[in-house]
Amino acid sequence: MALSPPRRPGALRDRHGRGMRGPAVLAGPHGAPRQRTSRDRFDDLVLAVVTDIESRWERHLGLVEYAVEDAPQVPDDWDSGTVPLSSLVRGSGSRPTRLVVFRRPIEHRSDSRSDLEAMVLTVVVEQVAELLGIDPEVVDPRVGGGDE
C-alpha cells in the first residue's frame, strides 16, 4: 500500500490542479465577495441607461429619482394578469418624480444578457417618454414602436 506524502500544516487542497477554489478565495475585505452579484450588475445596467437618457433629457425632466427594487408590492386583489416592470410616481411640489425599475420581473422575462439590456432600455425609455408626454422613439431611437 502506497502512502501519500505528509501534508504540510495549513496547506489547502488542490485536488485536480486547477488552483484554489471556494469562498476562501472569493472573499474580499470584511468577508464581502469580490465577484459582483446579479443585483449589482443589474444596478449598473440601469445606471448606464439612466445616465445616457438623463444626459440628453435632463433639461426637460426636472428632478427625477431613479431606484431599483427587487419586485413590486402587488395587492392581493390585483386583477391584471401581469406583474409591472416599473413604476412612475409623478412628483408634486418639492417632492421629486420617482421612477422605479423592478429587477426580478425583468430578469424573469429575459433569456440572455442582450435581452436584459434591451428590456431595461425599453422600460426606462417608455417611462421617461410617459413623463415627458412624447413617443419613446423620440427619447431614444433604439426603442422601436412595432409592438403596439
N, C-alpha and C. Protein backbone atom coordinates (compact mmCIF):
# COMPACT_ATOMS: atom_id res chain seq x y z
N MET A 1 0.84 -1.17 0.00
CA MET A 1 0.00 0.00 0.00
C MET A 1 0.89 1.24 0.00
N ALA A 2 0.65 2.15 -0.96
CA ALA A 2 1.45 3.36 -1.07
C ALA A 2 0.90 4.43 -0.14
N LEU A 3 1.78 5.09 0.53
CA LEU A 3 1.38 6.18 1.42
C LEU A 3 1.57 7.51 0.70
N SER A 4 0.62 8.40 0.91
CA SER A 4 0.76 9.72 0.31
C SER A 4 1.72 10.54 1.15
N PRO A 5 2.39 11.49 0.52
CA PRO A 5 3.33 12.31 1.27
C PRO A 5 2.59 13.10 2.34
N PRO A 6 3.22 13.36 3.45
CA PRO A 6 2.55 14.12 4.50
C PRO A 6 2.25 15.54 4.03
N ARG A 7 1.07 16.03 4.42
CA ARG A 7 0.67 17.40 4.06
C ARG A 7 1.30 18.36 5.05
N ARG A 8 1.71 19.46 4.55
CA ARG A 8 2.23 20.45 5.48
C ARG A 8 1.06 21.15 6.16
N PRO A 9 1.23 21.54 7.39
CA PRO A 9 0.12 22.16 8.13
C PRO A 9 -0.37 23.41 7.42
N GLY A 10 -1.68 23.56 7.33
CA GLY A 10 -2.28 24.75 6.74
C GLY A 10 -2.39 24.72 5.23
N ALA A 11 -1.88 23.69 4.58
CA ALA A 11 -1.96 23.62 3.12
C ALA A 11 -3.40 23.31 2.71
N LEU A 12 -3.87 23.99 1.69
CA LEU A 12 -5.23 23.77 1.20
C LEU A 12 -5.20 22.76 0.06
N ARG A 13 -6.30 22.08 -0.09
CA ARG A 13 -6.37 21.05 -1.13
C ARG A 13 -6.51 21.66 -2.51
N ASP A 14 -5.86 21.04 -3.45
CA ASP A 14 -5.96 21.40 -4.86
C ASP A 14 -6.01 20.09 -5.62
N ARG A 15 -7.16 19.42 -5.53
CA ARG A 15 -7.28 18.04 -6.00
C ARG A 15 -6.94 17.83 -7.46
N HIS A 16 -7.37 18.72 -8.31
CA HIS A 16 -7.25 18.47 -9.74
C HIS A 16 -6.32 19.45 -10.45
N GLY A 17 -5.53 20.17 -9.69
CA GLY A 17 -4.56 21.07 -10.30
C GLY A 17 -5.14 22.30 -10.95
N ARG A 18 -6.36 22.70 -10.55
CA ARG A 18 -6.99 23.86 -11.17
C ARG A 18 -6.84 25.13 -10.34
N GLY A 19 -6.09 25.06 -9.31
CA GLY A 19 -5.94 26.23 -8.46
C GLY A 19 -6.95 26.18 -7.32
N MET A 20 -6.83 27.12 -6.43
CA MET A 20 -7.71 27.14 -5.27
C MET A 20 -9.11 27.55 -5.67
N ARG A 21 -10.08 26.98 -4.99
CA ARG A 21 -11.49 27.26 -5.26
C ARG A 21 -12.20 27.54 -3.95
N GLY A 22 -13.40 28.10 -4.07
CA GLY A 22 -14.27 28.21 -2.91
C GLY A 22 -14.33 29.58 -2.30
N PRO A 23 -15.13 29.71 -1.26
CA PRO A 23 -15.38 31.00 -0.64
C PRO A 23 -14.13 31.68 -0.10
N ALA A 24 -13.14 30.89 0.35
CA ALA A 24 -11.93 31.50 0.90
C ALA A 24 -11.20 32.29 -0.17
N VAL A 25 -11.28 31.86 -1.40
CA VAL A 25 -10.61 32.54 -2.49
C VAL A 25 -11.40 33.77 -2.93
N LEU A 26 -12.72 33.68 -2.89
CA LEU A 26 -13.56 34.76 -3.39
C LEU A 26 -13.78 35.89 -2.38
N ALA A 27 -13.50 35.64 -1.13
CA ALA A 27 -13.80 36.65 -0.12
C ALA A 27 -12.89 37.86 -0.28
N GLY A 28 -13.48 39.02 -0.17
CA GLY A 28 -12.75 40.28 -0.24
C GLY A 28 -12.62 40.87 1.14
N PRO A 29 -12.43 42.16 1.23
CA PRO A 29 -12.31 42.80 2.53
C PRO A 29 -13.59 42.66 3.34
N HIS A 30 -13.44 42.40 4.60
CA HIS A 30 -14.56 42.28 5.54
C HIS A 30 -15.51 41.15 5.15
N GLY A 31 -15.02 40.13 4.47
CA GLY A 31 -15.84 38.97 4.14
C GLY A 31 -16.78 39.17 2.97
N ALA A 32 -16.76 40.33 2.31
CA ALA A 32 -17.63 40.58 1.17
C ALA A 32 -17.08 39.85 -0.06
N PRO A 33 -17.94 39.28 -0.89
CA PRO A 33 -17.45 38.59 -2.08
C PRO A 33 -16.85 39.58 -3.07
N ARG A 34 -15.79 39.14 -3.74
CA ARG A 34 -15.16 40.00 -4.75
C ARG A 34 -15.96 40.02 -6.04
N GLN A 35 -16.63 38.92 -6.33
CA GLN A 35 -17.41 38.88 -7.56
C GLN A 35 -18.70 39.66 -7.36
N ARG A 36 -19.10 40.36 -8.39
CA ARG A 36 -20.32 41.16 -8.31
C ARG A 36 -21.53 40.25 -8.44
N THR A 37 -22.57 40.57 -7.71
CA THR A 37 -23.79 39.78 -7.75
C THR A 37 -24.63 40.19 -8.94
N SER A 38 -25.65 39.40 -9.24
CA SER A 38 -26.55 39.76 -10.34
C SER A 38 -27.28 41.06 -10.01
N ARG A 39 -27.54 41.30 -8.75
CA ARG A 39 -28.18 42.55 -8.34
C ARG A 39 -27.27 43.74 -8.64
N ASP A 40 -25.96 43.60 -8.36
CA ASP A 40 -25.01 44.67 -8.65
C ASP A 40 -24.91 44.93 -10.15
N ARG A 41 -24.86 43.85 -10.92
CA ARG A 41 -24.77 44.02 -12.38
C ARG A 41 -26.04 44.66 -12.94
N PHE A 42 -27.20 44.31 -12.39
CA PHE A 42 -28.46 44.91 -12.84
C PHE A 42 -28.48 46.40 -12.49
N ASP A 43 -28.05 46.74 -11.27
CA ASP A 43 -27.98 48.14 -10.87
C ASP A 43 -27.08 48.94 -11.81
N ASP A 44 -25.94 48.36 -12.17
CA ASP A 44 -25.02 49.03 -13.10
C ASP A 44 -25.66 49.23 -14.47
N LEU A 45 -26.40 48.24 -14.93
CA LEU A 45 -27.08 48.34 -16.22
C LEU A 45 -28.11 49.46 -16.20
N VAL A 46 -28.93 49.51 -15.16
CA VAL A 46 -29.94 50.57 -15.05
C VAL A 46 -29.25 51.93 -14.95
N LEU A 47 -28.18 52.01 -14.18
CA LEU A 47 -27.46 53.28 -14.04
C LEU A 47 -26.91 53.75 -15.39
N ALA A 48 -26.39 52.84 -16.19
CA ALA A 48 -25.86 53.21 -17.50
C ALA A 48 -26.96 53.75 -18.41
N VAL A 49 -28.12 53.08 -18.41
CA VAL A 49 -29.24 53.52 -19.25
C VAL A 49 -29.75 54.87 -18.77
N VAL A 50 -29.93 55.02 -17.47
CA VAL A 50 -30.45 56.27 -16.90
C VAL A 50 -29.48 57.42 -17.16
N THR A 51 -28.19 57.17 -16.98
CA THR A 51 -27.19 58.22 -17.21
C THR A 51 -27.22 58.69 -18.66
N ASP A 52 -27.34 57.75 -19.59
CA ASP A 52 -27.40 58.10 -21.01
C ASP A 52 -28.63 58.95 -21.31
N ILE A 53 -29.77 58.54 -20.82
CA ILE A 53 -31.02 59.27 -21.09
C ILE A 53 -31.02 60.62 -20.37
N GLU A 54 -30.58 60.62 -19.12
CA GLU A 54 -30.53 61.88 -18.36
C GLU A 54 -29.63 62.90 -19.04
N SER A 55 -28.51 62.46 -19.60
CA SER A 55 -27.59 63.40 -20.23
C SER A 55 -28.23 64.11 -21.42
N ARG A 56 -29.16 63.44 -22.08
CA ARG A 56 -29.82 64.04 -23.24
C ARG A 56 -31.10 64.78 -22.89
N TRP A 57 -31.78 64.41 -21.79
CA TRP A 57 -33.10 64.94 -21.49
C TRP A 57 -33.20 65.67 -20.15
N GLU A 58 -32.07 65.91 -19.47
CA GLU A 58 -32.13 66.48 -18.13
C GLU A 58 -32.81 67.85 -18.09
N ARG A 59 -32.67 68.61 -19.14
CA ARG A 59 -33.31 69.94 -19.20
C ARG A 59 -34.83 69.84 -19.15
N HIS A 60 -35.37 68.77 -19.71
CA HIS A 60 -36.82 68.60 -19.80
C HIS A 60 -37.40 67.79 -18.64
N LEU A 61 -36.55 67.00 -18.00
CA LEU A 61 -37.04 66.08 -16.98
C LEU A 61 -37.28 66.74 -15.62
N GLY A 62 -36.47 67.67 -15.26
CA GLY A 62 -36.58 68.22 -13.91
C GLY A 62 -35.97 67.25 -12.91
N LEU A 63 -36.48 67.29 -11.67
CA LEU A 63 -35.95 66.44 -10.62
C LEU A 63 -36.62 65.07 -10.65
N VAL A 64 -35.83 64.04 -10.96
CA VAL A 64 -36.34 62.67 -11.02
C VAL A 64 -35.41 61.80 -10.18
N GLU A 65 -36.01 61.00 -9.30
CA GLU A 65 -35.27 59.99 -8.54
C GLU A 65 -35.44 58.66 -9.25
N TYR A 66 -34.33 57.94 -9.40
CA TYR A 66 -34.37 56.62 -10.02
C TYR A 66 -34.03 55.59 -8.95
N ALA A 67 -34.72 54.47 -8.98
CA ALA A 67 -34.47 53.41 -8.00
C ALA A 67 -34.67 52.05 -8.64
N VAL A 68 -34.03 51.05 -8.04
CA VAL A 68 -34.21 49.66 -8.44
C VAL A 68 -34.69 48.91 -7.21
N GLU A 69 -35.76 48.18 -7.36
CA GLU A 69 -36.26 47.31 -6.30
C GLU A 69 -36.37 45.90 -6.85
N ASP A 70 -36.34 44.93 -5.97
CA ASP A 70 -36.40 43.54 -6.41
C ASP A 70 -37.71 43.20 -7.11
N ALA A 71 -38.82 43.52 -6.47
CA ALA A 71 -40.14 43.19 -7.03
C ALA A 71 -41.17 44.18 -6.52
N PRO A 72 -42.23 44.40 -7.28
CA PRO A 72 -43.27 45.32 -6.83
C PRO A 72 -44.13 44.70 -5.73
N GLN A 73 -44.71 45.52 -4.92
CA GLN A 73 -45.69 45.07 -3.93
C GLN A 73 -47.05 45.07 -4.62
N VAL A 74 -47.51 43.91 -5.01
CA VAL A 74 -48.77 43.79 -5.73
C VAL A 74 -49.86 43.41 -4.73
N PRO A 75 -50.95 44.17 -4.69
CA PRO A 75 -52.02 43.84 -3.75
C PRO A 75 -52.68 42.51 -4.09
N ASP A 76 -53.30 41.89 -3.09
CA ASP A 76 -53.95 40.59 -3.28
C ASP A 76 -55.06 40.63 -4.32
N ASP A 77 -55.73 41.77 -4.45
CA ASP A 77 -56.83 41.88 -5.40
C ASP A 77 -56.39 42.40 -6.77
N TRP A 78 -55.11 42.25 -7.08
CA TRP A 78 -54.56 42.70 -8.36
C TRP A 78 -55.24 41.92 -9.47
N ASP A 79 -55.96 42.62 -10.36
CA ASP A 79 -56.74 41.93 -11.39
C ASP A 79 -56.01 41.78 -12.72
N SER A 80 -54.88 42.42 -12.87
CA SER A 80 -54.11 42.30 -14.10
C SER A 80 -53.36 40.97 -14.09
N GLY A 81 -53.20 40.38 -15.24
CA GLY A 81 -52.50 39.10 -15.33
C GLY A 81 -50.99 39.23 -15.34
N THR A 82 -50.46 40.44 -15.39
CA THR A 82 -49.02 40.63 -15.47
C THR A 82 -48.49 41.40 -14.26
N VAL A 83 -47.24 41.20 -13.99
CA VAL A 83 -46.56 41.93 -12.92
C VAL A 83 -45.88 43.14 -13.55
N PRO A 84 -46.01 44.32 -12.94
CA PRO A 84 -45.38 45.51 -13.53
C PRO A 84 -43.86 45.41 -13.54
N LEU A 85 -43.25 45.99 -14.57
CA LEU A 85 -41.80 46.00 -14.70
C LEU A 85 -41.20 47.27 -14.10
N SER A 86 -42.03 48.30 -13.96
CA SER A 86 -41.56 49.57 -13.41
C SER A 86 -42.73 50.34 -12.85
N SER A 87 -42.39 51.42 -12.18
CA SER A 87 -43.41 52.28 -11.59
C SER A 87 -42.97 53.73 -11.76
N LEU A 88 -43.91 54.59 -12.11
CA LEU A 88 -43.62 56.01 -12.25
C LEU A 88 -44.61 56.77 -11.37
N VAL A 89 -44.09 57.47 -10.38
CA VAL A 89 -44.92 58.28 -9.50
C VAL A 89 -44.49 59.73 -9.70
N ARG A 90 -45.41 60.50 -10.25
CA ARG A 90 -45.09 61.90 -10.54
C ARG A 90 -44.98 62.69 -9.25
N GLY A 91 -44.00 63.57 -9.24
CA GLY A 91 -43.77 64.41 -8.07
C GLY A 91 -44.74 65.58 -8.03
N SER A 92 -44.86 66.15 -6.85
CA SER A 92 -45.70 67.34 -6.70
C SER A 92 -45.04 68.24 -5.66
N GLY A 93 -45.07 69.52 -5.92
CA GLY A 93 -44.44 70.46 -5.01
C GLY A 93 -42.94 70.22 -4.95
N SER A 94 -42.42 70.01 -3.77
CA SER A 94 -40.99 69.78 -3.61
C SER A 94 -40.63 68.29 -3.71
N ARG A 95 -41.65 67.45 -3.82
CA ARG A 95 -41.41 66.01 -3.93
C ARG A 95 -41.03 65.65 -5.36
N PRO A 96 -39.89 64.97 -5.56
CA PRO A 96 -39.46 64.65 -6.93
C PRO A 96 -40.27 63.50 -7.53
N THR A 97 -40.25 63.43 -8.85
CA THR A 97 -40.81 62.29 -9.56
C THR A 97 -39.93 61.09 -9.25
N ARG A 98 -40.56 59.91 -9.11
CA ARG A 98 -39.80 58.70 -8.77
C ARG A 98 -40.08 57.62 -9.80
N LEU A 99 -39.02 57.15 -10.45
CA LEU A 99 -39.10 56.06 -11.41
C LEU A 99 -38.40 54.85 -10.80
N VAL A 100 -39.16 53.78 -10.61
CA VAL A 100 -38.63 52.56 -10.00
C VAL A 100 -38.65 51.44 -11.04
N VAL A 101 -37.52 50.76 -11.19
CA VAL A 101 -37.40 49.60 -12.08
C VAL A 101 -37.37 48.36 -11.20
N PHE A 102 -38.18 47.36 -11.54
CA PHE A 102 -38.26 46.13 -10.76
C PHE A 102 -37.39 45.05 -11.38
N ARG A 103 -36.37 44.64 -10.66
CA ARG A 103 -35.34 43.73 -11.18
C ARG A 103 -35.87 42.33 -11.48
N ARG A 104 -36.51 41.69 -10.55
CA ARG A 104 -36.89 40.28 -10.72
C ARG A 104 -37.84 40.05 -11.90
N PRO A 105 -38.91 40.84 -12.06
CA PRO A 105 -39.79 40.60 -13.23
C PRO A 105 -39.07 40.79 -14.56
N ILE A 106 -38.14 41.74 -14.61
CA ILE A 106 -37.40 41.97 -15.86
C ILE A 106 -36.45 40.81 -16.12
N GLU A 107 -35.72 40.38 -15.09
CA GLU A 107 -34.81 39.24 -15.27
C GLU A 107 -35.57 37.98 -15.66
N HIS A 108 -36.75 37.81 -15.09
CA HIS A 108 -37.56 36.62 -15.38
C HIS A 108 -37.99 36.57 -16.85
N ARG A 109 -38.18 37.72 -17.46
CA ARG A 109 -38.63 37.77 -18.85
C ARG A 109 -37.47 37.80 -19.86
N SER A 110 -36.23 37.83 -19.36
CA SER A 110 -35.07 37.92 -20.24
C SER A 110 -34.36 36.58 -20.33
N ASP A 111 -34.06 36.17 -21.57
CA ASP A 111 -33.37 34.90 -21.79
C ASP A 111 -31.85 35.04 -21.84
N SER A 112 -31.37 36.25 -22.15
CA SER A 112 -29.93 36.45 -22.28
C SER A 112 -29.57 37.84 -21.78
N ARG A 113 -28.29 38.09 -21.71
CA ARG A 113 -27.81 39.42 -21.28
C ARG A 113 -28.28 40.50 -22.24
N SER A 114 -28.27 40.22 -23.54
CA SER A 114 -28.71 41.22 -24.51
C SER A 114 -30.21 41.48 -24.38
N ASP A 115 -31.00 40.44 -24.09
CA ASP A 115 -32.43 40.63 -23.83
C ASP A 115 -32.64 41.50 -22.61
N LEU A 116 -31.86 41.26 -21.58
CA LEU A 116 -31.96 42.04 -20.35
C LEU A 116 -31.63 43.51 -20.61
N GLU A 117 -30.56 43.76 -21.34
CA GLU A 117 -30.17 45.14 -21.66
C GLU A 117 -31.25 45.83 -22.48
N ALA A 118 -31.80 45.12 -23.47
CA ALA A 118 -32.86 45.71 -24.31
C ALA A 118 -34.11 45.98 -23.50
N MET A 119 -34.46 45.08 -22.59
CA MET A 119 -35.67 45.27 -21.79
C MET A 119 -35.52 46.43 -20.81
N VAL A 120 -34.36 46.54 -20.18
CA VAL A 120 -34.13 47.67 -19.26
C VAL A 120 -34.19 48.99 -20.03
N LEU A 121 -33.56 49.03 -21.19
CA LEU A 121 -33.61 50.24 -22.02
C LEU A 121 -35.05 50.57 -22.38
N THR A 122 -35.82 49.59 -22.82
CA THR A 122 -37.21 49.82 -23.21
C THR A 122 -38.05 50.31 -22.05
N VAL A 123 -37.91 49.68 -20.89
CA VAL A 123 -38.71 50.06 -19.72
C VAL A 123 -38.40 51.50 -19.30
N VAL A 124 -37.13 51.84 -19.19
CA VAL A 124 -36.76 53.19 -18.76
C VAL A 124 -37.19 54.23 -19.79
N VAL A 125 -36.96 53.94 -21.06
CA VAL A 125 -37.33 54.88 -22.12
C VAL A 125 -38.84 55.10 -22.16
N GLU A 126 -39.61 54.03 -22.02
CA GLU A 126 -41.07 54.19 -22.03
C GLU A 126 -41.56 55.02 -20.85
N GLN A 127 -40.96 54.86 -19.69
CA GLN A 127 -41.37 55.66 -18.53
C GLN A 127 -40.97 57.12 -18.70
N VAL A 128 -39.79 57.37 -19.22
CA VAL A 128 -39.36 58.75 -19.47
C VAL A 128 -40.24 59.39 -20.53
N ALA A 129 -40.58 58.64 -21.56
CA ALA A 129 -41.48 59.15 -22.61
C ALA A 129 -42.84 59.50 -22.02
N GLU A 130 -43.35 58.64 -21.14
CA GLU A 130 -44.62 58.90 -20.47
C GLU A 130 -44.54 60.19 -19.64
N LEU A 131 -43.43 60.35 -18.95
CA LEU A 131 -43.22 61.53 -18.12
C LEU A 131 -43.17 62.80 -18.96
N LEU A 132 -42.52 62.72 -20.11
CA LEU A 132 -42.37 63.89 -20.98
C LEU A 132 -43.56 64.09 -21.92
N GLY A 133 -44.41 63.07 -22.06
CA GLY A 133 -45.54 63.17 -22.97
C GLY A 133 -45.16 63.09 -24.43
N ILE A 134 -44.13 62.32 -24.73
CA ILE A 134 -43.68 62.15 -26.12
C ILE A 134 -43.55 60.66 -26.42
N ASP A 135 -43.31 60.33 -27.70
CA ASP A 135 -43.14 58.94 -28.11
C ASP A 135 -41.79 58.40 -27.63
N PRO A 136 -41.74 57.13 -27.28
CA PRO A 136 -40.47 56.52 -26.85
C PRO A 136 -39.36 56.63 -27.90
N GLU A 137 -39.71 56.57 -29.18
CA GLU A 137 -38.70 56.66 -30.24
C GLU A 137 -38.01 58.01 -30.24
N VAL A 138 -38.69 59.05 -29.74
CA VAL A 138 -38.09 60.38 -29.66
C VAL A 138 -37.08 60.42 -28.52
N VAL A 139 -37.40 59.76 -27.41
CA VAL A 139 -36.50 59.73 -26.26
C VAL A 139 -35.22 58.97 -26.62
N ASP A 140 -35.38 57.81 -27.25
CA ASP A 140 -34.22 57.02 -27.67
C ASP A 140 -34.61 56.24 -28.93
N PRO A 141 -33.95 56.52 -30.04
CA PRO A 141 -34.32 55.86 -31.30
C PRO A 141 -34.09 54.35 -31.32
N ARG A 142 -33.31 53.83 -30.36
CA ARG A 142 -33.07 52.37 -30.30
C ARG A 142 -34.32 51.61 -29.91
N VAL A 143 -35.30 52.30 -29.33
CA VAL A 143 -36.54 51.65 -28.92
C VAL A 143 -37.55 51.79 -30.05
N GLY A 144 -37.91 50.67 -30.66
CA GLY A 144 -38.86 50.69 -31.76
C GLY A 144 -40.29 50.63 -31.27
N GLY A 145 -41.21 51.11 -32.06
CA GLY A 145 -42.61 51.11 -31.66
C GLY A 145 -43.44 50.08 -32.38
N GLY A 146 -42.85 48.98 -32.84
CA GLY A 146 -43.57 47.99 -33.61
C GLY A 146 -44.48 47.08 -32.82
N ASP A 147 -44.43 47.09 -31.49
CA ASP A 147 -45.20 46.15 -30.67
C ASP A 147 -46.48 46.75 -30.12
N GLU A 148 -47.06 47.73 -30.75
CA GLU A 148 -48.22 48.40 -30.18
C GLU A 148 -49.49 47.73 -30.51
